[in-house]
Amino acid sequence: MTVDDRVLDAISKQPYQTELQLSQSIFGKEGYQQKVNPSCRRLLKKHLIKRIGKGGVGEPFTYDLL
């Protein structure tokens, strides 16, 4: 199972997670945002997920399936 697949699975189980939350749900304590960032970008480009929010420290993006 690829990281992209795992991101999709994590979002399907719990929508509106941030990249950090997605990474920690997939990789546990070893999870950090940069581990899922490329996958989120690829999935956005393929129109499989959507990004919600303004981004940034105060209001990080969250993700849901399309």
PDB file of N, CA and C in Angstrom:
ATOM      1  N   MET A   1       0.855  -1.173   0.000  1.00  0.00           N
ATOM      2  CA  MET A   1       0.000   0.000   0.000  1.00  0.00           C
ATOM      3  C   MET A   1       0.906   1.243   0.000  1.00  0.00           C
ATOM      4  N   THR A   2       0.670   2.151  -0.921  1.00  0.00           N
ATOM      5  CA  THR A   2       1.474   3.368  -1.021  1.00  0.00           C
ATOM      6  C   THR A   2       1.027   4.398   0.023  1.00  0.00           C
ATOM      7  N   VAL A   3       1.848   5.416   0.203  1.00  0.00           N
ATOM      8  CA  VAL A   3       1.473   6.494   1.114  1.00  0.00           C
ATOM      9  C   VAL A   3       0.211   7.181   0.598  1.00  0.00           C
ATOM     10  N   ASP A   4       0.099   7.352  -0.720  1.00  0.00           N
ATOM     11  CA  ASP A   4      -1.118   7.941  -1.295  1.00  0.00           C
ATOM     12  C   ASP A   4      -2.348   7.133  -0.888  1.00  0.00           C
ATOM     13  N   ASP A   5      -2.256   5.818  -1.006  1.00  0.00           N
ATOM     14  CA  ASP A   5      -3.369   4.944  -0.618  1.00  0.00           C
ATOM     15  C   ASP A   5      -3.689   5.081   0.869  1.00  0.00           C
ATOM     16  N   ARG A   6      -2.658   5.173   1.661  1.00  0.00           N
ATOM     17  CA  ARG A   6      -2.850   5.281   3.104  1.00  0.00           C
ATOM     18  C   ARG A   6      -3.474   6.619   3.487  1.00  0.00           C
ATOM     19  N   VAL A   7      -3.107   7.681   2.761  1.00  0.00           N
ATOM     20  CA  VAL A   7      -3.714   8.990   3.000  1.00  0.00           C
ATOM     21  C   VAL A   7      -5.203   8.930   2.663  1.00  0.00           C
ATOM     22  N   LEU A   8      -5.538   8.360   1.519  1.00  0.00           N
ATOM     23  CA  LEU A   8      -6.948   8.232   1.130  1.00  0.00           C
ATOM     24  C   LEU A   8      -7.724   7.426   2.162  1.00  0.00           C
ATOM     25  N   ASP A   9      -7.138   6.349   2.635  1.00  0.00           N
ATOM     26  CA  ASP A   9      -7.791   5.514   3.640  1.00  0.00           C
ATOM     27  C   ASP A   9      -8.002   6.285   4.939  1.00  0.00           C
ATOM     28  N   ALA A  10      -6.975   7.020   5.371  1.00  0.00           N
ATOM     29  CA  ALA A  10      -7.080   7.801   6.610  1.00  0.00           C
ATOM     30  C   ALA A  10      -8.156   8.879   6.486  1.00  0.00           C
ATOM     31  N   ILE A  11      -8.229   9.537   5.325  1.00  0.00           N
ATOM     32  CA  ILE A  11      -9.248  10.575   5.129  1.00  0.00           C
ATOM     33  C   ILE A  11     -10.639   9.956   5.094  1.00  0.00           C
ATOM     34  N   SER A  12     -10.769   8.781   4.487  1.00  0.00           N
ATOM     35  CA  SER A  12     -12.091   8.143   4.420  1.00  0.00           C
ATOM     36  C   SER A  12     -12.593   7.755   5.812  1.00  0.00           C
ATOM     37  N   LYS A  13     -11.672   7.410   6.698  1.00  0.00           N
ATOM     38  CA  LYS A  13     -12.052   7.028   8.063  1.00  0.00           C
ATOM     39  C   LYS A  13     -12.300   8.243   8.955  1.00  0.00           C
ATOM     40  N   GLN A  14     -11.544   9.327   8.712  1.00  0.00           N
ATOM     41  CA  GLN A  14     -11.654  10.534   9.542  1.00  0.00           C
ATOM     42  C   GLN A  14     -11.393  11.757   8.661  1.00  0.00           C
ATOM     43  N   PRO A  15     -12.444  12.323   8.051  1.00  0.00           N
ATOM     44  CA  PRO A  15     -12.250  13.500   7.201  1.00  0.00           C
ATOM     45  C   PRO A  15     -11.826  14.727   8.003  1.00  0.00           C
ATOM     46  N   TYR A  16     -11.367  15.732   7.291  1.00  0.00           N
ATOM     47  CA  TYR A  16     -10.990  17.039   7.841  1.00  0.00           C
ATOM     48  C   TYR A  16      -9.797  16.971   8.786  1.00  0.00           C
ATOM     49  N   GLN A  17      -8.830  16.126   8.468  1.00  0.00           N
ATOM     50  CA  GLN A  17      -7.582  16.065   9.212  1.00  0.00           C
ATOM     51  C   GLN A  17      -6.555  16.979   8.551  1.00  0.00           C
ATOM     52  N   THR A  18      -5.653  17.511   9.349  1.00  0.00           N
ATOM     53  CA  THR A  18      -4.528  18.275   8.816  1.00  0.00           C
ATOM     54  C   THR A  18      -3.471  17.288   8.312  1.00  0.00           C
ATOM     55  N   GLU A  19      -2.452  17.814   7.614  1.00  0.00           N
ATOM     56  CA  GLU A  19      -1.367  16.949   7.160  1.00  0.00           C
ATOM     57  C   GLU A  19      -0.656  16.309   8.343  1.00  0.00           C
ATOM     58  N   LEU A  20      -0.466  17.057   9.429  1.00  0.00           N
ATOM     59  CA  LEU A  20       0.179  16.492  10.616  1.00  0.00           C
ATOM     60  C   LEU A  20      -0.667  15.370  11.201  1.00  0.00           C
ATOM     61  N   GLN A  21      -1.964  15.572  11.307  1.00  0.00           N
ATOM     62  CA  GLN A  21      -2.847  14.532  11.837  1.00  0.00           C
ATOM     63  C   GLN A  21      -2.855  13.308  10.929  1.00  0.00           C
ATOM     64  N   LEU A  22      -2.888  13.524   9.616  1.00  0.00           N
ATOM     65  CA  LEU A  22      -2.841  12.398   8.682  1.00  0.00           C
ATOM     66  C   LEU A  22      -1.553  11.612   8.856  1.00  0.00           C
ATOM     67  N   SER A  23      -0.442  12.327   8.930  1.00  0.00           N
ATOM     68  CA  SER A  23       0.849  11.665   9.072  1.00  0.00           C
ATOM     69  C   SER A  23       0.930  10.868  10.366  1.00  0.00           C
ATOM     70  N   GLN A  24       0.440  11.444  11.445  1.00  0.00           N
ATOM     71  CA  GLN A  24       0.480  10.729  12.719  1.00  0.00           C
ATOM     72  C   GLN A  24      -0.477   9.549  12.749  1.00  0.00           C
ATOM     73  N   SER A  25      -1.592   9.639  12.025  1.00  0.00           N
ATOM     74  CA  SER A  25      -2.508   8.489  11.982  1.00  0.00           C
ATOM     75  C   SER A  25      -1.920   7.353  11.140  1.00  0.00           C
ATOM     76  N   ILE A  26      -1.054   7.693  10.189  1.00  0.00           N
ATOM     77  CA  ILE A  26      -0.434   6.680   9.328  1.00  0.00           C
ATOM     78  C   ILE A  26       0.860   6.146   9.937  1.00  0.00           C
ATOM     79  N   PHE A  27       1.723   7.047  10.418  1.00  0.00           N
ATOM     80  CA  PHE A  27       3.062   6.668  10.868  1.00  0.00           C
ATOM     81  C   PHE A  27       3.231   6.663  12.387  1.00  0.00           C
ATOM     82  N   GLY A  28       2.207   7.033  13.120  1.00  0.00           N
ATOM     83  CA  GLY A  28       2.300   7.067  14.575  1.00  0.00           C
ATOM     84  C   GLY A  28       3.164   8.217  15.057  1.00  0.00           C
ATOM     85  N   LYS A  29       3.891   8.002  16.128  1.00  0.00           N
ATOM     86  CA  LYS A  29       4.717   9.060  16.712  1.00  0.00           C
ATOM     87  C   LYS A  29       5.800   9.554  15.754  1.00  0.00           C
ATOM     88  N   GLU A  30       6.166   8.727  14.794  1.00  0.00           N
ATOM     89  CA  GLU A  30       7.190   9.097  13.809  1.00  0.00           C
ATOM     90  C   GLU A  30       6.624   9.990  12.713  1.00  0.00           C
ATOM     91  N   GLY A  31       5.323  10.263  12.751  1.00  0.00           N
ATOM     92  CA  GLY A  31       4.677  11.039  11.703  1.00  0.00           C
ATOM     93  C   GLY A  31       4.938  12.525  11.826  1.00  0.00           C
ATOM     94  N   TYR A  32       5.297  13.142  10.727  1.00  0.00           N
ATOM     95  CA  TYR A  32       5.415  14.581  10.652  1.00  0.00           C
ATOM     96  C   TYR A  32       4.896  15.030   9.296  1.00  0.00           C
ATOM     97  N   GLN A  33       4.502  16.264   9.210  1.00  0.00           N
ATOM     98  CA  GLN A  33       3.771  16.797   8.060  1.00  0.00           C
ATOM     99  C   GLN A  33       4.432  16.480   6.719  1.00  0.00           C
ATOM    100  N   GLN A  34       5.736  16.594   6.637  1.00  0.00           N
ATOM    101  CA  GLN A  34       6.430  16.408   5.367  1.00  0.00           C
ATOM    102  C   GLN A  34       6.346  14.993   4.821  1.00  0.00           C
ATOM    103  N   LYS A  35       5.974  14.024   5.654  1.00  0.00           N
ATOM    104  CA  LYS A  35       5.840  12.644   5.181  1.00  0.00           C
ATOM    105  C   LYS A  35       4.621  12.451   4.291  1.00  0.00           C
ATOM    106  N   VAL A  36       3.587  13.278   4.459  1.00  0.00           N
ATOM    107  CA  VAL A  36       2.377  13.125   3.647  1.00  0.00           C
ATOM    108  C   VAL A  36       2.161  14.288   2.689  1.00  0.00           C
ATOM    109  N   ASN A  37       2.932  15.349   2.827  1.00  0.00           N
ATOM    110  CA  ASN A  37       2.760  16.530   1.984  1.00  0.00           C
ATOM    111  C   ASN A  37       2.794  16.202   0.488  1.00  0.00           C
ATOM    112  N   PRO A  38       3.787  15.452  -0.010  1.00  0.00           N
ATOM    113  CA  PRO A  38       3.793  15.134  -1.449  1.00  0.00           C
ATOM    114  C   PRO A  38       2.561  14.327  -1.883  1.00  0.00           C
ATOM    115  N   SER A  39       2.119  13.422  -1.039  1.00  0.00           N
ATOM    116  CA  SER A  39       0.939  12.617  -1.366  1.00  0.00           C
ATOM    117  C   SER A  39      -0.309  13.488  -1.442  1.00  0.00           C
ATOM    118  N   CYS A  40      -0.459  14.390  -0.491  1.00  0.00           N
ATOM    119  CA  CYS A  40      -1.617  15.290  -0.516  1.00  0.00           C
ATOM    120  C   CYS A  40      -1.611  16.126  -1.788  1.00  0.00           C
ATOM    121  N   ARG A  41      -0.455  16.622  -2.183  1.00  0.00           N
ATOM    122  CA  ARG A  41      -0.362  17.430  -3.412  1.00  0.00           C
ATOM    123  C   ARG A  41      -0.732  16.606  -4.649  1.00  0.00           C
ATOM    124  N   ARG A  42      -0.232  15.365  -4.711  1.00  0.00           N
ATOM    125  CA  ARG A  42      -0.557  14.486  -5.845  1.00  0.00           C
ATOM    126  C   ARG A  42      -2.052  14.191  -5.901  1.00  0.00           C
ATOM    127  N   LEU A  43      -2.639  13.878  -4.748  1.00  0.00           N
ATOM    128  CA  LEU A  43      -4.062  13.540  -4.695  1.00  0.00           C
ATOM    129  C   LEU A  43      -4.936  14.745  -5.032  1.00  0.00           C
ATOM    130  N   LEU A  44      -4.489  15.940  -4.646  1.00  0.00           N
ATOM    131  CA  LEU A  44      -5.203  17.162  -5.029  1.00  0.00           C
ATOM    132  C   LEU A  44      -5.166  17.342  -6.544  1.00  0.00           C
ATOM    133  N   LYS A  45      -3.994  17.149  -7.115  1.00  0.00           N
ATOM    134  CA  LYS A  45      -3.815  17.314  -8.561  1.00  0.00           C
ATOM    135  C   LYS A  45      -4.663  16.315  -9.353  1.00  0.00           C
ATOM    136  N   LYS A  46      -4.848  15.117  -8.785  1.00  0.00           N
ATOM    137  CA  LYS A  46      -5.664  14.078  -9.425  1.00  0.00           C
ATOM    138  C   LYS A  46      -7.153  14.251  -9.128  1.00  0.00           C
ATOM    139  N   HIS A  47      -7.502  15.276  -8.346  1.00  0.00           N
ATOM    140  CA  HIS A  47      -8.890  15.565  -7.969  1.00  0.00           C
ATOM    141  C   HIS A  47      -9.540  14.415  -7.190  1.00  0.00           C
ATOM    142  N   LEU A  48      -8.746  13.794  -6.309  1.00  0.00           N
ATOM    143  CA  LEU A  48      -9.274  12.730  -5.454  1.00  0.00           C
ATOM    144  C   LEU A  48      -9.621  13.239  -4.059  1.00  0.00           C
ATOM    145  N   ILE A  49      -8.993  14.353  -3.663  1.00  0.00           N
ATOM    146  CA  ILE A  49      -9.278  14.966  -2.378  1.00  0.00           C
ATOM    147  C   ILE A  49      -9.449  16.464  -2.572  1.00  0.00           C
ATOM    148  N   LYS A  50     -10.002  17.116  -1.554  1.00  0.00           N
ATOM    149  CA  LYS A  50     -10.116  18.575  -1.575  1.00  0.00           C
ATOM    150  C   LYS A  50      -9.458  19.133  -0.322  1.00  0.00           C
ATOM    151  N   ARG A  51      -8.975  20.359  -0.436  1.00  0.00           N
ATOM    152  CA  ARG A  51      -8.301  21.044   0.667  1.00  0.00           C
ATOM    153  C   ARG A  51      -9.210  22.158   1.152  1.00  0.00           C
ATOM    154  N   ILE A  52      -9.375  22.241   2.466  1.00  0.00           N
ATOM    155  CA  ILE A  52     -10.266  23.218   3.073  1.00  0.00           C
ATOM    156  C   ILE A  52      -9.446  24.120   3.995  1.00  0.00           C
ATOM    157  N   GLY A  53      -9.762  25.403   4.015  1.00  0.00           N
ATOM    158  CA  GLY A  53      -9.108  26.331   4.921  1.00  0.00           C
ATOM    159  C   GLY A  53      -8.134  27.250   4.219  1.00  0.00           C
ATOM    160  N   LYS A  54      -7.510  28.114   5.017  1.00  0.00           N
ATOM    161  CA  LYS A  54      -6.592  29.112   4.488  1.00  0.00           C
ATOM    162  C   LYS A  54      -5.144  28.645   4.513  1.00  0.00           C
ATOM    163  N   GLY A  55      -4.831  27.657   5.293  1.00  0.00           N
ATOM    164  CA  GLY A  55      -3.446  27.214   5.425  1.00  0.00           C
ATOM    165  C   GLY A  55      -2.697  28.096   6.403  1.00  0.00           C
ATOM    166  N   GLY A  56      -1.540  27.659   6.815  1.00  0.00           N
ATOM    167  CA  GLY A  56      -0.741  28.434   7.754  1.00  0.00           C
ATOM    168  C   GLY A  56      -0.875  27.924   9.178  1.00  0.00           C
ATOM    169  N   VAL A  57      -0.128  28.544  10.052  1.00  0.00           N
ATOM    170  CA  VAL A  57      -0.054  28.089  11.449  1.00  0.00           C
ATOM    171  C   VAL A  57      -1.396  28.218  12.164  1.00  0.00           C
ATOM    172  N   GLY A  58      -2.069  29.334  11.998  1.00  0.00           N
ATOM    173  CA  GLY A  58      -3.319  29.564  12.715  1.00  0.00           C
ATOM    174  C   GLY A  58      -4.494  28.766  12.191  1.00  0.00           C
ATOM    175  N   GLU A  59      -4.485  28.448  10.921  1.00  0.00           N
ATOM    176  CA  GLU A  59      -5.589  27.713  10.296  1.00  0.00           C
ATOM    177  C   GLU A  59      -5.041  26.771   9.225  1.00  0.00           C
ATOM    178  N   PRO A  60      -4.461  25.634   9.655  1.00  0.00           N
ATOM    179  CA  PRO A  60      -3.878  24.715   8.672  1.00  0.00           C
ATOM    180  C   PRO A  60      -4.953  24.120   7.766  1.00  0.00           C
ATOM    181  N   PHE A  61      -4.534  23.743   6.556  1.00  0.00           N
ATOM    182  CA  PHE A  61      -5.444  23.079   5.636  1.00  0.00           C
ATOM    183  C   PHE A  61      -5.919  21.766   6.244  1.00  0.00           C
ATOM    184  N   THR A  62      -7.157  21.417   5.960  1.00  0.00           N
ATOM    185  CA  THR A  62      -7.663  20.074   6.264  1.00  0.00           C
ATOM    186  C   THR A  62      -8.085  19.458   4.940  1.00  0.00           C
ATOM    187  N   TYR A  63      -8.251  18.143   4.937  1.00  0.00           N
ATOM    188  CA  TYR A  63      -8.498  17.417   3.697  1.00  0.00           C
ATOM    189  C   TYR A  63      -9.718  16.515   3.824  1.00  0.00           C
ATOM    190  N   ASP A  64     -10.433  16.389   2.704  1.00  0.00           N
ATOM    191  CA  ASP A  64     -11.593  15.497   2.628  1.00  0.00           C
ATOM    192  C   ASP A  64     -11.612  14.880   1.233  1.00  0.00           C
ATOM    193  N   LEU A  65     -12.332  13.792   1.093  1.00  0.00           N
ATOM    194  CA  LEU A  65     -12.462  13.153  -0.217  1.00  0.00           C
ATOM    195  C   LEU A  65     -13.413  13.947  -1.091  1.00  0.00           C
ATOM    196  N   LEU A  66     -13.212  13.876  -2.385  1.00  0.00           N
ATOM    197  CA  LEU A  66     -14.156  14.483  -3.332  1.00  0.00           C
ATOM    198  C   LEU A  66     -15.230  13.486  -3.687  1.00  0.00           C
TER     199      LEU A  66
END
